Amino acid sequence: MRDFRFCVALRRADGTLDKPLHEEVITAEDGTSAIALAKAIDVDMLRLRANAIYLVDPHGYVAWSLRLADVSDVSA
């Protein structure tokens, strides 16, 4: 089993990510399992004033990410 970091942050227009506003450790057998667990986490992005979530693998690399704009039209 490996520990992955699930992070919620503000992604700026230039693509940079601010320091995470929320973090959780996800323990999973592999990246695929960790991503499935990350997708099941319920996060109130509006309350946190965040627009991005991402998963960092045990080596410090981003294994998966998602922006709020990728899943919904926030202007509607």
N, C-alpha and C. Protein backbone atom coordinates (compact mmCIF):
# COMPACT_ATOMS: atom_id res chain seq x y z
N MET A 1 0.84 -1.18 0.00
CA MET A 1 0.00 0.00 0.00
C MET A 1 0.89 1.24 0.00
N ARG A 2 0.38 2.27 -0.67
CA ARG A 2 1.12 3.53 -0.79
C ARG A 2 0.24 4.69 -0.37
N ASP A 3 0.88 5.74 0.12
CA ASP A 3 0.16 6.95 0.50
C ASP A 3 0.23 7.98 -0.63
N PHE A 4 -0.93 8.50 -1.00
CA PHE A 4 -1.06 9.56 -1.99
C PHE A 4 -1.65 10.76 -1.27
N ARG A 5 -1.34 11.96 -1.72
CA ARG A 5 -1.92 13.17 -1.14
C ARG A 5 -3.00 13.71 -2.07
N PHE A 6 -4.20 13.83 -1.54
CA PHE A 6 -5.32 14.43 -2.25
C PHE A 6 -5.34 15.90 -1.85
N CYS A 7 -5.23 16.80 -2.82
CA CYS A 7 -5.13 18.23 -2.54
C CYS A 7 -6.21 19.02 -3.26
N VAL A 8 -6.70 20.05 -2.59
CA VAL A 8 -7.67 20.98 -3.14
C VAL A 8 -7.02 22.35 -3.12
N ALA A 9 -7.02 23.05 -4.26
CA ALA A 9 -6.31 24.32 -4.33
C ALA A 9 -6.97 25.27 -5.32
N LEU A 10 -6.47 26.49 -5.32
CA LEU A 10 -6.86 27.48 -6.31
C LEU A 10 -5.84 27.44 -7.44
N ARG A 11 -6.32 27.21 -8.65
CA ARG A 11 -5.47 27.23 -9.84
C ARG A 11 -5.63 28.60 -10.48
N ARG A 12 -4.54 29.32 -10.61
CA ARG A 12 -4.54 30.66 -11.19
C ARG A 12 -4.68 30.59 -12.71
N ALA A 13 -5.01 31.70 -13.34
CA ALA A 13 -5.19 31.76 -14.79
C ALA A 13 -3.92 31.39 -15.54
N ASP A 14 -2.75 31.61 -14.93
CA ASP A 14 -1.49 31.26 -15.59
C ASP A 14 -1.12 29.79 -15.41
N GLY A 15 -2.00 29.02 -14.73
CA GLY A 15 -1.78 27.59 -14.55
C GLY A 15 -1.10 27.19 -13.26
N THR A 16 -0.61 28.15 -12.49
CA THR A 16 0.05 27.81 -11.23
C THR A 16 -0.99 27.51 -10.16
N LEU A 17 -0.59 26.64 -9.25
CA LEU A 17 -1.46 26.25 -8.15
C LEU A 17 -0.98 26.92 -6.87
N ASP A 18 -1.93 27.50 -6.12
CA ASP A 18 -1.61 28.03 -4.81
C ASP A 18 -1.41 26.86 -3.84
N LYS A 19 -0.95 27.18 -2.64
CA LYS A 19 -0.79 26.18 -1.60
C LYS A 19 -2.14 25.50 -1.37
N PRO A 20 -2.18 24.19 -1.16
CA PRO A 20 -3.46 23.49 -0.96
C PRO A 20 -4.28 24.10 0.19
N LEU A 21 -5.57 24.22 -0.05
CA LEU A 21 -6.51 24.71 0.96
C LEU A 21 -7.02 23.55 1.81
N HIS A 22 -6.89 22.35 1.29
CA HIS A 22 -7.34 21.13 1.97
C HIS A 22 -6.48 19.98 1.47
N GLU A 23 -6.06 19.11 2.37
CA GLU A 23 -5.30 17.92 1.99
C GLU A 23 -5.80 16.72 2.78
N GLU A 24 -5.75 15.57 2.13
CA GLU A 24 -6.07 14.29 2.78
C GLU A 24 -5.07 13.26 2.27
N VAL A 25 -4.77 12.29 3.11
CA VAL A 25 -3.92 11.18 2.67
C VAL A 25 -4.84 10.04 2.24
N ILE A 26 -4.56 9.52 1.06
CA ILE A 26 -5.28 8.37 0.52
C ILE A 26 -4.30 7.22 0.47
N THR A 27 -4.62 6.12 1.10
CA THR A 27 -3.77 4.94 1.05
C THR A 27 -4.40 3.95 0.08
N ALA A 28 -3.62 3.58 -0.93
CA ALA A 28 -4.14 2.69 -1.97
C ALA A 28 -3.03 1.79 -2.49
N GLU A 29 -3.44 0.74 -3.16
CA GLU A 29 -2.49 -0.23 -3.71
C GLU A 29 -1.68 0.36 -4.86
N ASP A 30 -2.35 1.19 -5.68
CA ASP A 30 -1.67 1.77 -6.84
C ASP A 30 -2.36 3.06 -7.25
N GLY A 31 -1.83 3.69 -8.29
CA GLY A 31 -2.37 4.96 -8.75
C GLY A 31 -3.81 4.87 -9.20
N THR A 32 -4.15 3.82 -9.90
CA THR A 32 -5.52 3.65 -10.39
C THR A 32 -6.51 3.59 -9.24
N SER A 33 -6.17 2.84 -8.21
CA SER A 33 -7.04 2.73 -7.03
C SER A 33 -7.12 4.06 -6.30
N ALA A 34 -6.00 4.77 -6.20
CA ALA A 34 -5.98 6.07 -5.53
C ALA A 34 -6.84 7.08 -6.26
N ILE A 35 -6.80 7.07 -7.58
CA ILE A 35 -7.62 7.98 -8.37
C ILE A 35 -9.10 7.69 -8.15
N ALA A 36 -9.47 6.41 -8.14
CA ALA A 36 -10.87 6.04 -7.89
C ALA A 36 -11.33 6.54 -6.52
N LEU A 37 -10.48 6.40 -5.50
CA LEU A 37 -10.82 6.88 -4.17
C LEU A 37 -10.93 8.41 -4.16
N ALA A 38 -10.02 9.08 -4.85
CA ALA A 38 -10.04 10.55 -4.91
C ALA A 38 -11.31 11.05 -5.56
N LYS A 39 -11.76 10.39 -6.60
CA LYS A 39 -12.99 10.81 -7.29
C LYS A 39 -14.22 10.67 -6.40
N ALA A 40 -14.14 9.83 -5.37
CA ALA A 40 -15.28 9.61 -4.48
C ALA A 40 -15.32 10.59 -3.31
N ILE A 41 -14.28 11.39 -3.14
CA ILE A 41 -14.25 12.35 -2.04
C ILE A 41 -15.15 13.54 -2.36
N ASP A 42 -16.01 13.87 -1.42
CA ASP A 42 -16.93 15.00 -1.59
C ASP A 42 -16.27 16.25 -1.03
N VAL A 43 -16.02 17.23 -1.88
CA VAL A 43 -15.35 18.47 -1.48
C VAL A 43 -16.22 19.65 -1.89
N ASP A 44 -16.42 20.58 -0.97
CA ASP A 44 -17.19 21.78 -1.26
C ASP A 44 -16.21 22.83 -1.84
N MET A 45 -16.04 22.78 -3.14
CA MET A 45 -15.09 23.65 -3.82
C MET A 45 -15.45 25.13 -3.65
N LEU A 46 -16.72 25.45 -3.69
CA LEU A 46 -17.13 26.85 -3.56
C LEU A 46 -16.83 27.39 -2.17
N ARG A 47 -17.10 26.59 -1.15
CA ARG A 47 -16.83 27.03 0.22
C ARG A 47 -15.34 27.24 0.43
N LEU A 48 -14.52 26.36 -0.14
CA LEU A 48 -13.07 26.48 -0.01
C LEU A 48 -12.47 27.55 -0.92
N ARG A 49 -13.31 28.04 -1.87
CA ARG A 49 -12.85 28.99 -2.88
C ARG A 49 -11.70 28.40 -3.70
N ALA A 50 -11.93 27.16 -4.12
CA ALA A 50 -10.95 26.42 -4.90
C ALA A 50 -11.54 26.05 -6.24
N ASN A 51 -10.68 25.74 -7.19
CA ASN A 51 -11.16 25.32 -8.50
C ASN A 51 -10.37 24.15 -9.08
N ALA A 52 -9.53 23.52 -8.24
CA ALA A 52 -8.74 22.39 -8.73
C ALA A 52 -8.53 21.36 -7.63
N ILE A 53 -8.53 20.10 -8.04
CA ILE A 53 -8.14 19.02 -7.15
C ILE A 53 -7.06 18.21 -7.87
N TYR A 54 -6.16 17.66 -7.09
CA TYR A 54 -5.11 16.85 -7.68
C TYR A 54 -4.60 15.82 -6.69
N LEU A 55 -3.97 14.80 -7.23
CA LEU A 55 -3.47 13.69 -6.44
C LEU A 55 -1.97 13.59 -6.66
N VAL A 56 -1.22 13.60 -5.57
CA VAL A 56 0.24 13.53 -5.64
C VAL A 56 0.67 12.12 -5.24
N ASP A 57 1.49 11.49 -6.07
CA ASP A 57 1.95 10.13 -5.78
C ASP A 57 3.06 10.13 -4.72
N PRO A 58 3.47 8.96 -4.25
CA PRO A 58 4.49 8.89 -3.19
C PRO A 58 5.84 9.50 -3.58
N HIS A 59 6.07 9.71 -4.87
CA HIS A 59 7.33 10.30 -5.34
C HIS A 59 7.23 11.82 -5.53
N GLY A 60 6.05 12.38 -5.26
CA GLY A 60 5.87 13.82 -5.37
C GLY A 60 5.37 14.31 -6.72
N TYR A 61 5.00 13.39 -7.59
CA TYR A 61 4.48 13.76 -8.92
C TYR A 61 2.96 13.79 -8.91
N VAL A 62 2.38 14.70 -9.69
CA VAL A 62 0.93 14.75 -9.83
C VAL A 62 0.49 13.56 -10.67
N ALA A 63 -0.32 12.71 -10.06
CA ALA A 63 -0.80 11.49 -10.73
C ALA A 63 -2.12 11.72 -11.45
N TRP A 64 -2.87 12.73 -10.99
CA TRP A 64 -4.19 13.01 -11.56
C TRP A 64 -4.61 14.40 -11.12
N SER A 65 -5.33 15.11 -11.97
CA SER A 65 -5.84 16.43 -11.59
C SER A 65 -7.14 16.70 -12.32
N LEU A 66 -7.90 17.63 -11.76
CA LEU A 66 -9.17 18.02 -12.34
C LEU A 66 -9.47 19.46 -11.94
N ARG A 67 -9.88 20.26 -12.93
CA ARG A 67 -10.29 21.64 -12.66
C ARG A 67 -11.79 21.70 -12.64
N LEU A 68 -12.34 22.59 -11.83
CA LEU A 68 -13.78 22.76 -11.76
C LEU A 68 -14.37 23.07 -13.14
N ALA A 69 -13.66 23.85 -13.93
CA ALA A 69 -14.13 24.20 -15.27
C ALA A 69 -14.22 22.98 -16.19
N ASP A 70 -13.48 21.92 -15.88
CA ASP A 70 -13.52 20.72 -16.70
C ASP A 70 -14.80 19.91 -16.51
N VAL A 71 -15.50 20.14 -15.40
CA VAL A 71 -16.67 19.32 -15.10
C VAL A 71 -17.98 20.11 -15.09
N SER A 72 -17.92 21.43 -15.05
CA SER A 72 -19.17 22.20 -15.04
C SER A 72 -18.91 23.63 -15.53
N ASP A 73 -19.98 24.24 -15.94
CA ASP A 73 -19.91 25.64 -16.33
C ASP A 73 -20.28 26.47 -15.12
N VAL A 74 -19.28 27.04 -14.43
CA VAL A 74 -19.52 27.76 -13.19
C VAL A 74 -20.20 29.11 -13.43
N SER A 75 -20.27 29.56 -14.68
CA SER A 75 -20.92 30.85 -14.94
C SER A 75 -22.43 30.71 -15.08
N ALA A 76 -22.92 29.50 -15.17
CA ALA A 76 -24.36 29.28 -15.35
C ALA A 76 -25.14 29.44 -14.07
